[in-house]
């Protein structure tokens, strides 16, 4: 594997069709066993995952081809999902032949399994309408139907992306996030804005922003203090990183401010962005996603949710999930 190679091989072609992307010195990572971002509703008794459209057709990968033509769940419709980078939400989708699904790229919108560029094989699972959309961050395209019932990697708009359900129940109201919530990812600086300003959704960004749904205020860390700001658009102080942290398998996250300090849920019920070092129990949060793709932030050590009041004050003292602040993102 040449980790700097950016061509795509097609059996019917003459060799390499160069991708229209700038080559980069990204490191190749072998698929690893570890945390998987999908709930058990996507998993069969044998431990493999399947993806079903609303019309009942399954995502299927046989030999080198991927399509949406199957109405039954056999070996071709079952996949293993391996993490590449959990914090970035990147995963590989591998069939029973150990072939990896890939956005072909270049001038083609096809999904295949013979791409030589590893970045075309890295996918994110984005919550959407009670299911997930499958997204390739390198090509910035979603998986869906293409050219009939073939599977393509061509849709660029989230609102038009295909939704894949599991094989049993869809995501429920108390779905516990297994990866950082991708809909909250934003560029640090939105196009046309001043440095650090604006919300521009970017599924490949490391930055997140959270808006209180009721009072229309952004979660903000101007220093070690945490409060809510009524600015129309978030600035750098309203941007955070989310990293998986704590004991492996616990699905807990640490939230780091733009200033490089972690949010900490104090025993007094206060919350501060003042912790530097490896996150401890006070700095670990569970993220609960609702059926509307909003989230609630919960500290399991103190058994408390983060809550914002109407005056913009923020606390970590709410024990009733119904009264916890529900965080959302703008529609733009």
Protein backbone atom coordinates (compact mmCIF):
# COMPACT_ATOMS: atom_id res chain seq x y z
CA UNK A 1 0.00 0.00 0.00
CA UNK A 2 1.40 3.35 -1.05
CA UNK A 3 -0.06 5.73 1.50
CA UNK A 4 0.50 8.76 -0.78
CA UNK A 5 -1.22 7.27 -3.84
CA UNK A 6 -4.32 9.16 -4.95
CA UNK A 7 -5.36 7.27 -8.06
CA UNK A 8 -8.25 4.89 -8.56
CA UNK A 9 -7.85 1.68 -10.54
CA UNK A 10 -10.70 0.58 -12.79
CA UNK A 11 -10.58 -2.80 -14.55
CA UNK A 12 -12.16 -1.35 -17.67
CA UNK A 13 -9.79 1.60 -17.79
CA UNK A 14 -6.19 2.03 -18.84
CA UNK A 15 -4.80 2.20 -15.37
CA UNK A 16 -4.99 5.28 -13.22
CA UNK A 17 -7.59 8.02 -13.33
CA UNK A 18 -6.16 10.71 -11.12
CA UNK A 19 -8.48 12.12 -8.48
CA UNK A 20 -9.13 15.84 -8.52
CA UNK A 21 -7.96 16.29 -4.94
CA UNK A 22 -4.73 17.67 -3.57
CA UNK A 23 -2.41 14.85 -2.55
CA UNK A 24 -1.62 14.78 1.10
CA UNK A 25 0.76 12.92 3.38
CA UNK A 26 -1.98 11.27 5.43
CA UNK A 27 -1.03 8.13 7.29
CA UNK A 28 -2.64 4.83 6.40
CA UNK A 29 -4.25 2.94 9.31
CA UNK A 30 -5.05 -0.75 9.23
CA UNK A 31 -8.62 -1.54 10.36
CA UNK A 32 -8.73 -2.30 14.08
CA UNK A 33 -11.22 -3.96 16.36
CA UNK A 34 -12.82 -1.54 18.78
CA UNK A 35 -15.76 0.79 19.36
CA UNK A 36 -18.49 0.69 16.72
CA UNK A 37 -20.80 3.74 16.29
CA UNK A 38 -23.98 1.81 15.49
CA UNK A 39 -26.64 0.58 17.92
CA UNK A 40 -27.60 -3.08 18.21
CA UNK A 41 -30.61 -2.52 15.95
CA UNK A 42 -28.18 -2.69 13.01
CA UNK A 43 -26.61 -5.94 14.20
CA UNK A 44 -27.77 -9.52 13.59
CA UNK A 45 -27.34 -12.51 15.88
CA UNK A 46 -24.06 -13.36 14.18
CA UNK A 47 -22.62 -9.96 15.18
CA UNK A 48 -22.49 -8.37 11.72
CA UNK A 49 -24.18 -5.15 10.64
CA UNK A 50 -26.71 -4.50 7.89
CA UNK A 51 -28.17 -1.33 6.37
CA UNK A 52 -31.75 -1.22 5.07
CA UNK A 53 -33.55 1.47 3.11
CA UNK A 54 -37.15 2.55 3.73
CA UNK A 55 -38.34 0.36 0.82
CA UNK A 56 -36.86 -2.71 2.50
CA UNK A 57 -33.88 -3.09 0.15
CA UNK A 58 -30.48 -3.82 1.70
CA UNK A 59 -27.06 -2.40 0.99
CA UNK A 60 -25.21 -5.30 -0.64
CA UNK A 61 -21.55 -5.79 -1.59
CA UNK A 62 -20.76 -8.81 -3.76
CA UNK A 63 -17.33 -9.25 -5.28
CA UNK A 64 -16.28 -5.71 -6.26
CA UNK A 65 -19.74 -4.18 -6.63
CA UNK A 66 -22.10 -2.45 -4.22
CA UNK A 67 -25.83 -2.11 -4.92
CA UNK A 68 -29.25 -1.67 -3.28
CA UNK A 69 -31.12 -4.49 -5.03
CA UNK A 70 -31.49 -7.13 -2.34
CA UNK A 71 -34.69 -7.66 -0.34
CA UNK A 72 -33.20 -10.32 1.94
CA UNK A 73 -30.33 -10.39 4.42
CA UNK A 74 -27.67 -12.92 3.45
CA UNK A 75 -23.86 -12.94 3.56
CA UNK A 76 -23.62 -10.22 0.89
CA UNK A 77 -25.75 -7.89 3.03
CA UNK A 78 -23.73 -8.29 6.23
CA UNK A 79 -20.71 -6.19 7.19
CA UNK A 80 -18.13 -5.67 9.86
CA UNK A 81 -17.51 -2.04 10.87
CA UNK A 82 -13.97 -1.23 12.03
CA UNK A 83 -12.77 2.06 13.54
CA UNK A 84 -10.01 4.05 11.88
CA UNK A 85 -10.22 7.16 14.06
CA UNK A 86 -12.98 7.20 16.68
CA UNK A 87 -12.61 10.89 17.60
CA UNK A 88 -12.98 11.84 13.93
CA UNK A 89 -15.81 9.32 13.54
CA UNK A 90 -14.10 7.42 10.69
CA UNK A 91 -14.80 3.74 10.02
CA UNK A 92 -14.28 1.02 7.42
CA UNK A 93 -17.15 -1.13 6.13
CA UNK A 94 -15.93 -4.65 5.28
CA UNK A 95 -17.91 -7.55 3.78
CA UNK A 96 -17.57 -11.27 4.49
CA UNK A 97 -14.94 -11.54 1.73
CA UNK A 98 -12.84 -9.00 3.69
CA UNK A 99 -13.28 -6.42 0.95
CA UNK A 100 -13.66 -2.78 2.00
CA UNK A 101 -16.40 -0.53 0.64
CA UNK A 102 -15.04 2.56 -1.15
CA UNK A 103 -16.26 5.72 -2.87
CA UNK A 104 -14.59 5.29 -6.25
CA UNK A 105 -14.01 9.02 -6.73
CA UNK A 106 -12.67 10.69 -9.84
CA UNK A 107 -15.29 11.04 -12.56
CA UNK A 108 -17.33 8.13 -11.20
CA UNK A 109 -19.97 8.14 -8.48
CA UNK A 110 -19.78 4.40 -7.95
CA UNK A 111 -19.31 2.44 -4.75
CA UNK A 112 -16.83 -0.36 -5.21
CA UNK A 113 -14.23 -2.26 -3.22
CA UNK A 114 -11.01 -1.97 -5.21
CA UNK A 115 -9.89 1.60 -4.61
CA UNK A 116 -6.22 2.00 -3.75
CA UNK A 117 -6.71 5.29 -1.90
CA UNK A 118 -7.51 4.49 1.73
CA UNK A 119 -9.31 7.83 2.25
CA UNK A 120 -12.07 6.67 -0.08
CA UNK A 121 -12.70 3.75 2.30
CA UNK A 122 -13.27 5.84 5.44
CA UNK A 123 -16.90 6.56 6.31
CA UNK A 124 -18.83 8.40 9.00
CA UNK A 125 -22.31 7.50 10.23
CA UNK A 126 -24.41 10.68 10.50
CA UNK A 127 -27.73 10.54 12.44
CA UNK A 128 -30.69 11.43 10.21
CA UNK A 129 -34.46 10.92 10.54
CA UNK A 130 -34.23 8.07 13.04
CA UNK A 131 -31.50 6.26 11.12
CA UNK A 132 -28.05 7.04 9.74
CA UNK A 133 -26.60 8.52 6.56
CA UNK A 134 -23.26 7.08 5.42
CA UNK A 135 -20.73 9.78 4.51
CA UNK A 136 -17.23 9.78 3.01
CA UNK A 137 -15.36 12.79 4.44
CA UNK A 138 -12.70 12.82 1.71
CA UNK A 139 -15.06 13.12 -1.27
CA UNK A 140 -17.67 14.89 0.91
CA UNK A 141 -20.43 12.70 -0.49
CA UNK A 142 -23.16 10.48 0.93
CA UNK A 143 -23.96 6.88 0.01
CA UNK A 144 -27.26 6.29 -1.79
CA UNK A 145 -28.94 5.03 -4.97
CA UNK A 146 -27.19 5.81 -8.25
CA UNK A 147 -28.04 4.82 -11.80
CA UNK A 148 -31.07 2.78 -10.80
CA UNK A 149 -30.51 0.42 -7.89
CA UNK A 150 -26.74 0.56 -7.95
CA UNK A 151 -25.15 2.17 -4.91
CA UNK A 152 -23.44 5.48 -5.46
CA UNK A 153 -21.37 7.98 -3.57
CA UNK A 154 -22.62 11.16 -5.18
CA UNK A 155 -25.04 13.10 -2.94
CA UNK A 156 -23.44 16.22 -1.44
CA UNK A 157 -26.38 17.66 0.50
CA UNK A 158 -27.25 16.30 3.95
CA UNK A 159 -30.96 17.03 3.54
CA UNK A 160 -31.09 14.78 0.43
CA UNK A 161 -28.93 11.98 1.84
CA UNK A 162 -30.31 8.43 1.93
CA UNK A 163 -31.34 7.18 5.38
CA UNK A 164 -30.38 3.62 6.33
CA UNK A 165 -32.30 1.87 9.08
CA UNK A 166 -31.23 -1.13 11.11
CA UNK A 167 -32.67 -4.61 10.79
CA UNK A 168 -34.87 -4.23 13.89
CA UNK A 169 -35.90 -1.07 15.75
CA UNK A 170 -34.63 2.38 14.70
CA UNK A 171 -32.84 4.70 17.10
CA UNK A 172 -34.95 5.46 20.15
CA UNK A 173 -35.46 8.66 22.15
CA UNK A 174 -32.67 7.80 24.62
CA UNK A 175 -30.04 6.66 22.13
CA UNK A 176 -26.63 6.93 23.74
CA UNK A 177 -24.11 8.43 21.35
CA UNK A 178 -21.27 6.06 20.56
CA UNK A 179 -19.21 8.65 18.67
CA UNK A 180 -19.02 12.47 18.84
CA UNK A 181 -22.28 13.91 17.38
CA UNK A 182 -21.42 14.65 13.77
CA UNK A 183 -24.24 17.16 13.10
CA UNK A 184 -22.60 19.55 15.58
CA UNK A 185 -19.27 19.64 13.73
CA UNK A 186 -18.40 23.01 12.22
CA UNK A 187 -15.49 24.73 10.58
CA UNK A 188 -13.62 26.93 13.04
CA UNK A 189 -14.15 29.86 10.67
CA UNK A 190 -17.18 29.83 8.38
CA UNK A 191 -16.80 31.01 4.81
CA UNK A 192 -16.99 34.79 4.59
CA UNK A 193 -16.74 35.30 8.37
CA UNK A 194 -14.02 36.79 10.55
CA UNK A 195 -11.48 34.52 12.22
CA UNK A 196 -13.22 31.94 14.45
CA UNK A 197 -16.75 33.14 13.63
CA UNK A 198 -19.79 31.41 12.19
CA UNK A 199 -21.30 27.93 11.97
CA UNK A 200 -20.51 26.03 8.78
CA UNK A 201 -21.32 22.33 9.03
CA UNK A 202 -18.32 20.19 8.19
CA UNK A 203 -18.38 16.49 8.98
CA UNK A 204 -14.59 16.33 8.81
CA UNK A 205 -13.91 19.15 11.30
CA UNK A 206 -12.66 18.62 14.86
CA UNK A 207 -14.72 21.57 16.17
CA UNK A 208 -18.24 21.39 17.63
CA UNK A 209 -20.76 24.09 18.59
CA UNK A 210 -23.89 23.75 20.77
CA UNK A 211 -26.94 26.02 20.78
CA UNK A 212 -29.54 25.89 23.57
CA UNK A 213 -32.81 25.03 21.86
CA UNK A 214 -35.20 27.01 24.08
CA UNK A 215 -33.30 30.25 24.83
CA UNK A 216 -31.38 30.39 21.55
CA UNK A 217 -27.99 30.85 23.23
CA UNK A 218 -24.65 29.25 22.36
CA UNK A 219 -22.62 27.35 24.95
CA UNK A 220 -19.55 29.53 25.48
CA UNK A 221 -16.22 29.31 27.32
CA UNK A 222 -14.70 32.83 27.18
CA UNK A 223 -12.16 31.80 29.83
CA UNK A 224 -12.47 29.28 32.65
CA UNK A 225 -16.11 30.30 33.01
CA UNK A 226 -18.99 28.68 31.12
CA UNK A 227 -22.04 30.66 30.08
CA UNK A 228 -24.53 31.14 27.30
CA UNK A 229 -24.16 33.87 24.70
CA UNK A 230 -26.98 35.27 22.61
CA UNK A 231 -24.77 36.06 19.62
CA UNK A 232 -26.44 35.20 16.33
CA UNK A 233 -23.37 33.22 15.27
CA UNK A 234 -20.81 31.34 17.37
CA UNK A 235 -17.27 32.65 17.72
CA UNK A 236 -14.11 30.78 18.68
CA UNK A 237 -15.14 30.76 22.36
CA UNK A 238 -18.24 28.80 21.34
CA UNK A 239 -16.21 26.07 19.57
CA UNK A 240 -15.18 22.88 21.39
CA UNK A 241 -13.39 19.62 20.72
CA UNK A 242 -14.96 16.31 21.79
CA UNK A 243 -12.73 13.34 22.51
CA UNK A 244 -13.55 9.82 23.60
CA UNK A 245 -12.04 9.43 27.07
CA UNK A 246 -12.31 7.38 30.24
CA UNK A 247 -12.48 3.63 30.61
CA UNK A 248 -12.62 1.74 27.32
CA UNK A 249 -16.11 0.64 26.41
CA UNK A 250 -17.84 3.16 28.70
CA UNK A 251 -18.75 5.50 25.80
CA UNK A 252 -17.76 8.64 27.68
CA UNK A 253 -16.39 11.86 26.20
CA UNK A 254 -14.35 14.84 27.32
CA UNK A 255 -15.18 18.32 26.01
CA UNK A 256 -12.27 20.74 25.50
CA UNK A 257 -12.69 24.49 25.04
CA UNK A 258 -10.99 26.63 22.41
CA UNK A 259 -8.54 27.65 25.17
CA UNK A 260 -7.40 24.03 25.59
CA UNK A 261 -9.13 23.29 28.92
CA UNK A 262 -11.71 20.59 29.66
CA UNK A 263 -15.23 21.18 30.91
CA UNK A 264 -15.48 19.96 34.50
CA UNK A 265 -18.67 19.14 36.42
CA UNK A 266 -17.98 20.23 40.01
CA UNK A 267 -19.40 18.59 43.13
CA UNK A 268 -21.05 21.93 43.99
CA UNK A 269 -23.16 21.76 40.82
CA UNK A 270 -21.09 24.38 39.02
CA UNK A 271 -19.41 23.75 35.68
CA UNK A 272 -16.09 25.26 34.62
CA UNK A 273 -13.72 25.00 31.67
CA UNK A 274 -10.64 24.95 33.87
CA UNK A 275 -9.15 21.45 33.81
CA UNK A 276 -5.80 20.69 32.18
CA UNK A 277 -4.44 17.16 31.97
CA UNK A 278 -5.94 13.72 31.46
CA UNK A 279 -9.74 13.92 31.99
CA UNK A 280 -10.98 12.40 35.25
CA UNK A 281 -14.49 11.45 36.34
CA UNK A 282 -15.59 15.08 36.70
CA UNK A 283 -14.60 15.75 33.08
CA UNK A 284 -16.34 12.74 31.51
CA UNK A 285 -19.76 13.02 29.88
CA UNK A 286 -22.28 10.73 28.25
CA UNK A 287 -23.98 12.21 25.18
CA UNK A 288 -27.63 11.28 24.75
CA UNK A 289 -29.15 11.86 21.30
CA UNK A 290 -32.88 12.44 20.87
CA UNK A 291 -35.03 11.34 17.94
CA UNK A 292 -34.78 14.92 16.62
CA UNK A 293 -30.95 14.66 16.55
CA UNK A 294 -30.56 17.06 19.47
CA UNK A 295 -28.37 16.04 22.41
CA UNK A 296 -28.20 16.20 26.22
CA UNK A 297 -24.89 16.20 28.14
CA UNK A 298 -24.71 14.02 31.26
CA UNK A 299 -21.96 13.53 33.85
CA UNK A 300 -22.38 9.95 35.19
CA UNK A 301 -20.07 10.47 38.20
CA UNK A 302 -22.31 13.14 39.75
CA UNK A 303 -25.48 11.81 38.08
CA UNK A 304 -26.21 15.28 36.67
CA UNK A 305 -27.00 16.90 33.33
CA UNK A 306 -25.76 20.25 32.07
CA UNK A 307 -28.49 22.91 32.24
CA UNK A 308 -28.64 26.46 30.93
CA UNK A 309 -31.02 28.98 32.49
CA UNK A 310 -32.81 31.83 30.71
CA UNK A 311 -30.20 34.35 31.90
CA UNK A 312 -27.43 32.35 30.18
CA UNK A 313 -25.98 30.87 33.38
CA UNK A 314 -24.84 27.26 32.97
CA UNK A 315 -24.81 24.59 35.67
CA UNK A 316 -24.08 20.90 36.08
CA UNK A 317 -26.75 20.22 38.68
CA UNK A 318 -29.83 18.84 36.89
CA UNK A 319 -30.75 15.28 37.87
CA UNK A 320 -34.03 15.12 35.95
CA UNK A 321 -33.43 14.27 32.29
CA UNK A 322 -36.68 15.98 31.27
CA UNK A 323 -35.41 19.32 32.62
CA UNK A 324 -31.91 18.99 31.17
CA UNK A 325 -30.91 21.40 28.44
CA UNK A 326 -31.43 20.10 24.93
CA UNK A 327 -28.67 21.26 22.61
CA UNK A 328 -29.25 21.75 18.92
CA UNK A 329 -27.58 23.16 15.80
CA UNK A 330 -28.83 25.82 13.36
CA UNK A 331 -30.67 24.71 10.26
CA UNK A 332 -28.25 26.47 7.93
